[in-house]
Amino acid sequence: MAYLLQYKSMSHLKKNIKYFLLILFCLSTSRLAAQGQWTVSGSLTRGLTGAAAVVVDSTIYVLGGYSDSTQNVVNWIQKFDPESGQFTYVTQMKSRRTHFFAVVSDSNIYYTGGEFGSGHHTAGTLECFNLRTGLVTAIDTNRKYNRFFISGIVADSILYLVGGAPTEGSPPSGLNPYIMEFNLNKKEITYNYSGMFSNNLLRSGHITIIYNSYLYIFGGNYNTVLAEVFRYSLNDKTLQRIFPNMTVPRTNAAAVITNNGNAELLIMGGFNEGNSALNSVEKFIFRSSSITSQFFPPMNIKRKNFNSVLLGDNVYVFGGKNEFGQSVRDIEKFQLLTTAEDLMDEIPKSFLLEQNYPNPFNPSTVISFQIKNENRVALTIYDALGNIVKVLQDEILQSGLYNRQWDAVGISSGIYFYELITQPTNQSENLDKAFRQVKKMMLLK
């Protein structure tokens, strides 16, 4: 009889677990549907890795990269149609390049850095492709440009070059600044930042954005893949670390900048020590005094060393390699929401703890929450017996949307709980304005 009761209990438990998993799946998929999803919109006619891509007047230009068709690094400048996957040859750069960057200013595409295979440098040139004349010229030569996985961005006729891994033609130790400012009008480097991360400490593979006189630098690689975020003052020439970090360490990622009332940055893919390629996407929202991160649906395919562009209301990603080192030919598209409601400056009006995603998960998951105003915030994970497993957050946070990742490496499968507690920092506010919520998640290995 005891055995029969035990059997019925186990059967009942398994049945409940199945219902629980089904509900969680429905919640997760409905959340994705509400925010949109990535779709495969086409296929490349040939694989391309480590290229640079820019948009000029609704035309996508793709420069260089490693081409499957030639089995080599190329110097082509091509137009690209993301709907058909077709490339149209335009002209060629003076050097073959891969793992470099390109930016647009006025009617010119500027590019520098990279390599043409096995660490060989590209003669330390900064080149310009003039879209009006069709001419390609080298506007400066400097050994400091001999870096690959270099990042850059342009603002007010100043080209900011950030980090990069030195190649064989780089200057000797002590002469490699972390950030260089190149004046496009004077056609010369007008400032070198040689503080943190310069010379032998150069970091590479960053994502960069300029907002409100600051250059923000995300992630990258130096001995390990980083999740850190730094801010460089364009006025004071100072560099400092800021928070929050990215939820996932990543390098060799791609990004697009959107502007739905606020400056928004989508950081996609890349890789880290635990993942040879990523499909996760992070959304950062920039406001006057702070940045916040927000959940964004993942891509269908894991990618690194690929390209991303914003064309109209669509974000396109193409090229790169997957987690197996294979060229990815599928083109993915995400349509951004642009209704009047979406364009509002959405400052949270309440506290909220969302269901973690993915759920069930193995080995990592992201927990999202929003804070109405400045509060001391504690986010804690417990096991089924109420023991503390991990404290993910315990500090004062400003109003905003936040993501925190839990990496459950070395943790046993099972049911876990996460609790969000907020406490007003203003002593005059009542204690009844504190917020507490608990949710359940499942780790399946």
Protein backbone atom coordinates (compact mmCIF):
# COMPACT_ATOMS: atom_id res chain seq x y z
CA MET A 1 0.00 0.00 0.00
CA ALA A 2 2.82 2.39 0.91
CA TYR A 3 4.48 1.68 -2.45
CA LEU A 4 1.21 2.37 -4.30
CA LEU A 5 0.76 5.73 -2.50
CA GLN A 6 4.33 6.68 -3.32
CA TYR A 7 3.80 5.77 -6.97
CA LYS A 8 0.63 7.89 -7.17
CA SER A 9 2.42 10.84 -5.55
CA MET A 10 5.32 10.62 -7.98
CA SER A 11 2.92 10.33 -10.91
CA HIS A 12 1.01 13.36 -9.65
CA LEU A 13 4.26 15.31 -9.20
CA LYS A 14 5.45 14.53 -12.73
CA LYS A 15 2.06 15.58 -14.09
CA ASN A 16 2.24 18.89 -12.23
CA ILE A 17 5.77 19.52 -13.48
CA LYS A 18 4.59 18.99 -17.07
CA TYR A 19 1.79 21.53 -16.58
CA PHE A 20 4.23 23.96 -14.96
CA LEU A 21 6.68 23.70 -17.86
CA LEU A 22 3.87 24.17 -20.38
CA ILE A 23 2.69 27.35 -18.63
CA LEU A 24 6.23 28.72 -18.49
CA PHE A 25 6.72 28.00 -22.17
CA CYS A 26 3.50 29.81 -23.05
CA LEU A 27 4.47 32.82 -20.94
CA SER A 28 7.90 33.01 -22.57
CA THR A 29 6.59 32.70 -26.12
CA SER A 30 3.82 35.25 -25.52
CA ARG A 31 6.41 37.69 -24.22
CA LEU A 32 8.53 37.21 -27.34
CA ALA A 33 5.52 37.64 -29.60
CA ALA A 34 4.68 40.94 -27.90
CA GLN A 35 8.17 42.29 -28.53
CA GLY A 36 8.63 40.85 -32.02
CA GLN A 37 10.94 38.15 -33.26
CA TRP A 38 13.87 37.73 -35.61
CA THR A 39 13.01 36.16 -38.95
CA VAL A 40 15.24 34.64 -41.61
CA SER A 41 14.60 36.93 -44.57
CA GLY A 42 17.04 35.57 -47.13
CA SER A 43 20.43 34.04 -47.82
CA LEU A 44 23.82 35.42 -48.88
CA THR A 45 25.03 34.42 -52.33
CA ARG A 46 28.46 33.87 -50.76
CA GLY A 47 29.76 33.72 -47.19
CA LEU A 48 31.52 36.76 -45.73
CA THR A 49 33.26 37.12 -42.36
CA GLY A 50 34.97 40.06 -40.68
CA ALA A 51 33.73 42.68 -43.15
CA ALA A 52 32.58 46.22 -42.35
CA ALA A 53 29.13 47.55 -43.30
CA VAL A 54 27.60 51.05 -43.36
CA VAL A 55 24.35 52.59 -44.60
CA VAL A 56 24.33 55.68 -46.85
CA ASP A 57 20.96 57.02 -48.05
CA SER A 58 19.22 53.63 -47.78
CA THR A 59 22.09 51.84 -49.52
CA ILE A 60 24.19 49.27 -47.67
CA TYR A 61 27.90 49.26 -48.49
CA VAL A 62 30.00 46.26 -47.45
CA LEU A 63 33.77 46.56 -47.35
CA GLY A 64 36.42 43.83 -47.31
CA GLY A 65 36.18 40.71 -45.18
CA TYR A 66 37.03 37.07 -45.80
CA SER A 67 35.09 35.74 -48.77
CA ASP A 68 34.14 32.08 -49.18
CA SER A 69 34.20 32.49 -52.95
CA THR A 70 37.91 33.37 -53.06
CA GLN A 71 39.00 31.66 -49.83
CA ASN A 72 40.88 34.85 -49.04
CA VAL A 73 40.61 38.33 -47.56
CA VAL A 74 39.32 40.78 -50.19
CA ASN A 75 39.55 44.52 -50.84
CA TRP A 76 36.14 44.87 -52.47
CA ILE A 77 33.68 47.68 -51.82
CA GLN A 78 30.22 46.35 -52.66
CA LYS A 79 26.57 47.31 -52.47
CA PHE A 80 24.39 44.78 -50.66
CA ASP A 81 20.67 44.01 -51.02
CA PRO A 82 19.50 42.30 -47.79
CA GLU A 83 16.29 41.00 -49.38
CA SER A 84 18.00 39.12 -52.22
CA GLY A 85 21.38 38.52 -50.58
CA GLN A 86 23.08 39.86 -53.72
CA PHE A 87 26.36 41.81 -53.73
CA THR A 88 27.17 44.35 -56.47
CA TYR A 89 30.81 45.29 -56.98
CA VAL A 90 31.50 49.06 -56.77
CA THR A 91 35.26 49.52 -56.47
CA GLN A 92 38.12 48.34 -54.28
CA MET A 93 40.10 49.52 -51.29
CA LYS A 94 43.84 50.02 -51.57
CA SER A 95 44.46 47.15 -49.13
CA ARG A 96 42.73 43.87 -48.37
CA ARG A 97 41.19 44.05 -44.89
CA THR A 98 39.29 41.99 -42.37
CA HIS A 99 38.38 42.64 -38.72
CA PHE A 100 38.41 46.44 -39.15
CA PHE A 101 35.81 49.18 -38.93
CA ALA A 102 34.20 51.76 -41.21
CA VAL A 103 32.12 54.89 -40.57
CA VAL A 104 30.25 57.45 -42.68
CA SER A 105 30.71 61.22 -42.52
CA ASP A 106 29.10 63.50 -45.11
CA SER A 107 29.65 61.74 -48.46
CA ASN A 108 32.69 59.74 -47.38
CA ILE A 109 33.27 56.28 -45.97
CA TYR A 110 36.34 56.19 -43.72
CA TYR A 111 38.00 52.95 -42.64
CA THR A 112 41.21 51.77 -41.04
CA GLY A 113 42.82 48.91 -39.14
CA GLY A 114 42.36 45.23 -39.76
CA GLU A 115 44.63 42.61 -41.25
CA PHE A 116 44.86 40.73 -44.52
CA GLY A 117 45.53 37.31 -43.03
CA SER A 118 47.69 35.64 -40.35
CA GLY A 119 48.26 38.88 -38.45
CA HIS A 120 49.79 40.75 -41.39
CA HIS A 121 49.14 44.48 -41.16
CA THR A 122 47.54 46.80 -43.71
CA ALA A 123 50.38 49.32 -44.07
CA GLY A 124 48.99 51.59 -41.33
CA THR A 125 46.66 53.58 -43.56
CA LEU A 126 43.44 55.47 -42.95
CA GLU A 127 41.52 55.42 -46.24
CA CYS A 128 38.53 57.28 -47.61
CA PHE A 129 36.00 56.27 -50.27
CA ASN A 130 34.31 59.38 -51.69
CA LEU A 131 30.79 58.46 -52.75
CA ARG A 132 30.48 61.45 -55.11
CA THR A 133 33.69 60.93 -57.08
CA GLY A 134 34.09 57.20 -56.58
CA LEU A 135 37.75 57.72 -55.67
CA VAL A 136 39.58 55.81 -52.92
CA THR A 137 42.46 57.68 -51.29
CA ALA A 138 44.77 57.12 -48.32
CA ILE A 139 44.38 60.27 -46.22
CA ASP A 140 46.87 59.35 -43.49
CA THR A 141 49.60 56.83 -42.77
CA ASN A 142 50.54 55.94 -39.21
CA ARG A 143 51.77 52.74 -37.57
CA LYS A 144 49.24 53.33 -34.80
CA TYR A 145 46.53 52.19 -37.23
CA ASN A 146 48.09 48.72 -37.42
CA ARG A 147 45.48 47.03 -35.25
CA PHE A 148 42.74 44.53 -35.89
CA PHE A 149 39.41 44.29 -34.05
CA ILE A 150 39.71 48.07 -33.71
CA SER A 151 36.50 50.02 -32.99
CA GLY A 152 35.50 53.52 -33.96
CA ILE A 153 32.80 56.12 -34.31
CA VAL A 154 32.55 59.64 -35.75
CA ALA A 155 31.01 62.82 -34.32
CA ASP A 156 31.44 66.48 -35.28
CA SER A 157 34.17 65.70 -37.85
CA ILE A 158 36.22 63.84 -35.23
CA LEU A 159 36.94 60.16 -35.81
CA TYR A 160 37.42 58.31 -32.52
CA LEU A 161 39.53 55.14 -32.78
CA VAL A 162 39.32 52.79 -29.81
CA GLY A 163 41.51 49.86 -28.83
CA GLY A 164 42.39 47.01 -31.14
CA ALA A 165 44.94 44.18 -31.07
CA PRO A 166 48.35 45.32 -32.39
CA THR A 167 49.66 43.65 -35.56
CA GLU A 168 53.25 43.08 -36.59
CA GLY A 169 53.54 46.64 -37.93
CA SER A 170 52.41 48.40 -34.75
CA PRO A 171 54.66 50.92 -32.95
CA PRO A 172 56.96 49.63 -30.19
CA SER A 173 55.72 49.33 -26.62
CA GLY A 174 54.88 52.66 -25.04
CA LEU A 175 53.56 54.30 -28.21
CA ASN A 176 50.12 52.72 -28.56
CA PRO A 177 47.33 54.96 -27.19
CA TYR A 178 44.01 53.39 -26.25
CA ILE A 179 41.93 56.16 -27.87
CA MET A 180 42.93 58.32 -30.82
CA GLU A 181 41.06 61.40 -32.05
CA PHE A 182 41.48 62.06 -35.78
CA ASN A 183 40.29 65.41 -37.13
CA LEU A 184 38.73 64.79 -40.55
CA ASN A 185 39.10 68.45 -41.56
CA LYS A 186 42.77 68.74 -40.59
CA LYS A 187 43.42 65.12 -41.64
CA GLU A 188 45.62 64.41 -38.63
CA ILE A 189 45.52 62.86 -35.16
CA THR A 190 44.86 65.73 -32.77
CA TYR A 191 44.75 63.83 -29.47
CA ASN A 192 46.01 60.53 -28.04
CA TYR A 193 44.56 59.12 -24.82
CA SER A 194 47.34 57.09 -23.23
CA GLY A 195 45.86 56.48 -19.78
CA MET A 196 44.13 53.20 -18.97
CA PHE A 197 44.44 50.27 -21.39
CA SER A 198 47.16 51.78 -23.57
CA ASN A 199 50.40 50.28 -24.92
CA ASN A 200 50.70 46.61 -23.79
CA LEU A 201 47.25 46.74 -22.16
CA LEU A 202 45.24 47.45 -25.31
CA ARG A 203 41.75 45.96 -25.33
CA SER A 204 40.04 44.96 -28.56
CA GLY A 205 36.67 44.02 -30.03
CA HIS A 206 34.59 46.80 -28.39
CA ILE A 207 31.19 48.24 -29.22
CA THR A 208 31.10 52.06 -29.09
CA ILE A 209 28.44 54.79 -29.06
CA ILE A 210 28.57 58.57 -28.51
CA TYR A 211 25.83 60.21 -26.46
CA ASN A 212 25.76 63.60 -24.69
CA SER A 213 29.48 64.36 -25.11
CA TYR A 214 30.53 60.93 -23.90
CA LEU A 215 31.99 57.97 -25.75
CA TYR A 216 30.63 54.73 -24.25
CA ILE A 217 32.76 51.58 -24.64
CA PHE A 218 31.17 48.15 -24.15
CA GLY A 219 32.78 44.76 -23.57
CA GLY A 220 35.80 43.65 -25.56
CA ASN A 221 38.72 41.40 -24.84
CA TYR A 222 41.95 41.57 -22.84
CA ASN A 223 43.15 38.15 -21.58
CA THR A 224 39.47 37.45 -20.92
CA VAL A 225 36.20 38.51 -22.51
CA LEU A 226 34.73 41.52 -20.70
CA ALA A 227 31.28 42.67 -19.61
CA GLU A 228 32.49 46.07 -18.41
CA VAL A 229 31.24 49.45 -19.64
CA PHE A 230 33.46 52.57 -19.69
CA ARG A 231 32.72 56.19 -20.47
CA TYR A 232 35.20 58.60 -22.09
CA SER A 233 34.52 62.33 -21.77
CA LEU A 234 34.96 64.07 -25.11
CA ASN A 235 35.54 67.33 -23.25
CA ASP A 236 37.71 66.38 -20.26
CA LYS A 237 39.53 63.47 -21.96
CA THR A 238 38.94 61.24 -18.92
CA LEU A 239 37.93 57.57 -18.84
CA GLN A 240 35.91 55.96 -16.06
CA ARG A 241 34.04 52.74 -15.48
CA ILE A 242 30.25 52.96 -15.14
CA PHE A 243 27.40 50.57 -14.38
CA PRO A 244 25.45 48.50 -15.16
CA ASN A 245 27.69 45.95 -16.88
CA MET A 246 26.47 44.02 -19.85
CA THR A 247 24.55 40.96 -18.71
CA VAL A 248 26.80 38.74 -20.84
CA PRO A 249 30.54 39.24 -21.44
CA ARG A 250 31.06 39.54 -25.18
CA THR A 251 33.53 40.58 -27.85
CA ASN A 252 33.50 40.59 -31.67
CA ALA A 253 29.81 41.46 -31.51
CA ALA A 254 27.79 43.73 -33.79
CA ALA A 255 25.56 46.67 -32.94
CA VAL A 256 23.10 49.21 -34.30
CA ILE A 257 22.01 52.56 -32.88
CA THR A 258 18.30 53.38 -32.96
CA ASN A 259 16.53 56.52 -31.86
CA ASN A 260 13.00 56.08 -30.56
CA GLY A 261 12.91 59.29 -28.58
CA ASN A 262 16.01 58.14 -26.69
CA ALA A 263 19.32 56.91 -28.02
CA GLU A 264 19.14 53.12 -27.95
CA LEU A 265 21.88 50.61 -28.64
CA LEU A 266 21.35 46.98 -29.62
CA ILE A 267 24.40 44.77 -29.02
CA MET A 268 24.14 41.40 -30.76
CA GLY A 269 26.04 38.14 -30.87
CA GLY A 270 29.81 37.85 -30.50
CA PHE A 271 31.48 35.27 -28.28
CA ASN A 272 32.92 34.68 -24.81
CA GLU A 273 34.84 31.96 -22.98
CA GLY A 274 31.76 29.85 -22.42
CA ASN A 275 30.24 30.28 -25.86
CA SER A 276 32.13 30.16 -29.16
CA ALA A 277 29.29 32.24 -30.64
CA LEU A 278 26.26 34.01 -29.13
CA ASN A 279 22.74 34.77 -30.32
CA SER A 280 21.70 36.91 -27.34
CA VAL A 281 20.87 40.60 -27.78
CA GLU A 282 21.08 43.40 -25.22
CA LYS A 283 19.26 46.71 -25.49
CA PHE A 284 20.74 49.76 -23.75
CA ILE A 285 18.71 52.95 -23.35
CA PHE A 286 20.60 56.22 -22.87
CA ARG A 287 19.17 59.08 -20.85
CA SER A 288 20.73 62.34 -19.72
CA SER A 289 22.38 60.96 -16.58
CA SER A 290 22.21 57.18 -16.82
CA ILE A 291 21.93 54.10 -19.01
CA THR A 292 19.70 51.12 -18.42
CA SER A 293 19.53 47.71 -20.06
CA GLN A 294 16.45 45.89 -21.23
CA PHE A 295 15.46 42.45 -22.49
CA PHE A 296 15.51 41.98 -26.28
CA PRO A 297 14.60 38.82 -28.22
CA PRO A 298 17.61 36.67 -29.23
CA MET A 299 18.60 36.04 -32.84
CA ASN A 300 17.81 32.65 -34.33
CA ILE A 301 21.44 31.89 -35.21
CA LYS A 302 24.58 32.28 -33.10
CA ARG A 303 27.10 34.56 -34.80
CA LYS A 304 30.45 36.28 -34.36
CA ASN A 305 32.46 38.57 -36.67
CA PHE A 306 29.30 39.46 -38.58
CA ASN A 307 27.59 42.65 -39.75
CA SER A 308 24.50 44.51 -38.63
CA VAL A 309 22.77 47.57 -40.10
CA LEU A 310 19.64 49.58 -39.45
CA LEU A 311 17.72 50.19 -42.67
CA GLY A 312 14.43 52.02 -42.18
CA ASP A 313 12.61 50.27 -39.37
CA ASN A 314 14.45 46.98 -39.88
CA VAL A 315 17.60 45.66 -38.26
CA TYR A 316 19.49 43.25 -40.54
CA VAL A 317 22.27 40.89 -39.51
CA PHE A 318 24.30 38.90 -42.02
CA GLY A 319 27.55 37.02 -42.49
CA GLY A 320 29.94 35.89 -39.78
CA LYS A 321 30.55 32.44 -38.35
CA ASN A 322 28.50 30.23 -36.05
CA GLU A 323 29.53 28.29 -32.94
CA PHE A 324 31.08 25.56 -35.14
CA GLY A 325 33.28 27.97 -37.09
CA GLN A 326 31.11 27.66 -40.20
CA SER A 327 30.14 30.61 -42.40
CA VAL A 328 26.54 31.75 -41.86
CA ARG A 329 24.65 32.61 -45.03
CA ASP A 330 21.21 33.18 -43.52
CA ILE A 331 20.13 36.84 -43.29
CA GLU A 332 18.03 37.74 -40.25
CA LYS A 333 15.69 40.69 -39.88
CA PHE A 334 13.98 42.33 -36.91
CA GLN A 335 11.28 44.94 -37.46
CA LEU A 336 11.33 47.66 -34.81
CA LEU A 337 8.11 49.03 -33.40
CA THR A 338 7.53 52.68 -34.32
CA THR A 339 4.04 53.57 -33.10
CA ALA A 340 3.48 56.78 -31.17
CA GLU A 341 3.23 54.77 -27.98
CA ASP A 342 6.57 53.07 -28.65
CA LEU A 343 8.27 56.41 -29.25
CA MET A 344 7.38 57.74 -25.79
CA ASP A 345 10.08 58.21 -23.19
CA GLU A 346 9.07 55.27 -21.04
CA ILE A 347 10.15 56.03 -17.49
CA PRO A 348 8.87 53.19 -15.27
CA LYS A 349 5.80 54.21 -13.29
CA SER A 350 5.80 51.15 -11.04
CA PHE A 351 7.98 48.38 -9.67
CA LEU A 352 7.99 45.11 -11.58
CA LEU A 353 9.79 41.77 -11.42
CA GLU A 354 9.50 39.81 -14.66
CA GLN A 355 9.69 36.08 -15.28
CA ASN A 356 13.25 35.02 -16.01
CA TYR A 357 14.14 34.11 -19.59
CA PRO A 358 14.75 31.46 -20.74
CA ASN A 359 12.85 29.27 -18.32
CA PRO A 360 13.52 26.39 -17.85
CA PHE A 361 17.21 27.13 -18.44
CA ASN A 362 20.70 25.60 -18.54
CA PRO A 363 23.07 26.97 -17.40
CA SER A 364 22.25 30.70 -17.49
CA THR A 365 19.14 32.86 -17.42
CA VAL A 366 18.35 36.58 -17.34
CA ILE A 367 16.13 38.23 -14.73
CA SER A 368 14.59 41.58 -15.68
CA PHE A 369 13.06 44.11 -13.31
CA GLN A 370 12.09 47.76 -13.28
CA ILE A 371 12.50 50.39 -10.58
CA LYS A 372 10.09 53.30 -10.22
CA ASN A 373 12.51 55.68 -8.48
CA GLU A 374 15.78 55.63 -6.57
CA ASN A 375 15.81 52.64 -4.22
CA ARG A 376 18.15 50.25 -2.52
CA VAL A 377 17.56 47.05 -4.46
CA ALA A 378 18.28 43.46 -3.43
CA LEU A 379 17.84 40.59 -5.88
CA THR A 380 18.47 37.22 -4.25
CA ILE A 381 18.21 33.61 -5.40
CA TYR A 382 17.09 30.86 -3.00
CA ASP A 383 16.85 27.09 -3.26
CA ALA A 384 13.68 25.15 -2.45
CA LEU A 385 14.65 25.02 1.27
CA GLY A 386 15.03 28.78 1.53
CA ASN A 387 18.83 28.83 1.55
CA ILE A 388 20.53 31.74 -0.19
CA VAL A 389 22.23 30.53 -3.38
CA LYS A 390 23.34 33.84 -4.92
CA VAL A 391 22.93 37.58 -4.34
CA LEU A 392 22.70 39.13 -7.80
CA GLN A 393 22.08 42.71 -6.71
CA ASP A 394 22.47 44.70 -3.47
CA GLU A 395 22.96 48.40 -4.14
CA ILE A 396 21.18 51.69 -4.81
CA LEU A 397 19.71 51.94 -8.30
CA GLN A 398 18.06 54.78 -10.19
CA SER A 399 14.71 54.56 -11.95
CA GLY A 400 14.97 52.29 -14.97
CA LEU A 401 14.85 48.82 -16.47
CA TYR A 402 17.54 46.33 -15.49
CA ASN A 403 18.74 42.88 -16.52
CA ARG A 404 20.79 40.56 -14.34
CA GLN A 405 22.18 37.22 -15.50
CA TRP A 406 22.53 34.16 -13.27
CA ASP A 407 25.11 31.61 -14.38
CA ALA A 408 24.17 28.40 -12.56
CA VAL A 409 27.39 26.55 -13.33
CA GLY A 410 27.98 23.89 -10.68
CA ILE A 411 24.41 24.20 -9.38
CA SER A 412 22.12 21.16 -9.27
CA SER A 413 18.92 20.90 -11.27
CA GLY A 414 15.75 21.87 -9.47
CA ILE A 415 13.27 24.56 -8.54
CA TYR A 416 14.71 27.90 -7.41
CA PHE A 417 13.15 31.15 -6.30
CA TYR A 418 14.28 34.73 -6.87
CA GLU A 419 13.19 37.64 -4.72
CA LEU A 420 13.26 41.38 -5.45
CA ILE A 421 13.15 43.74 -2.47
CA THR A 422 13.30 47.53 -2.80
CA GLN A 423 13.68 50.09 -0.03
CA PRO A 424 13.30 53.88 -0.59
CA THR A 425 16.52 55.80 0.02
CA ASN A 426 14.59 58.93 0.97
CA GLN A 427 14.08 58.74 4.72
CA SER A 428 10.91 60.83 4.49
CA GLU A 429 9.15 58.18 2.39
CA ASN A 430 7.00 55.64 4.18
CA LEU A 431 8.17 52.08 4.61
CA ASP A 432 4.94 50.90 3.01
CA LYS A 433 6.38 52.15 -0.28
CA ALA A 434 8.87 49.29 -0.21
CA PHE A 435 8.32 46.55 -2.81
CA ARG A 436 8.79 42.79 -2.53
CA GLN A 437 8.03 40.04 -5.05
CA VAL A 438 9.09 36.42 -5.46
CA LYS A 439 9.04 34.27 -8.61
CA LYS A 440 9.87 30.66 -9.39
CA MET A 441 12.27 29.27 -12.02
CA MET A 442 13.56 25.85 -13.04
CA LEU A 443 17.12 24.74 -13.76
CA LEU A 444 17.20 21.64 -15.98
CA LYS A 445 20.54 19.97 -16.78
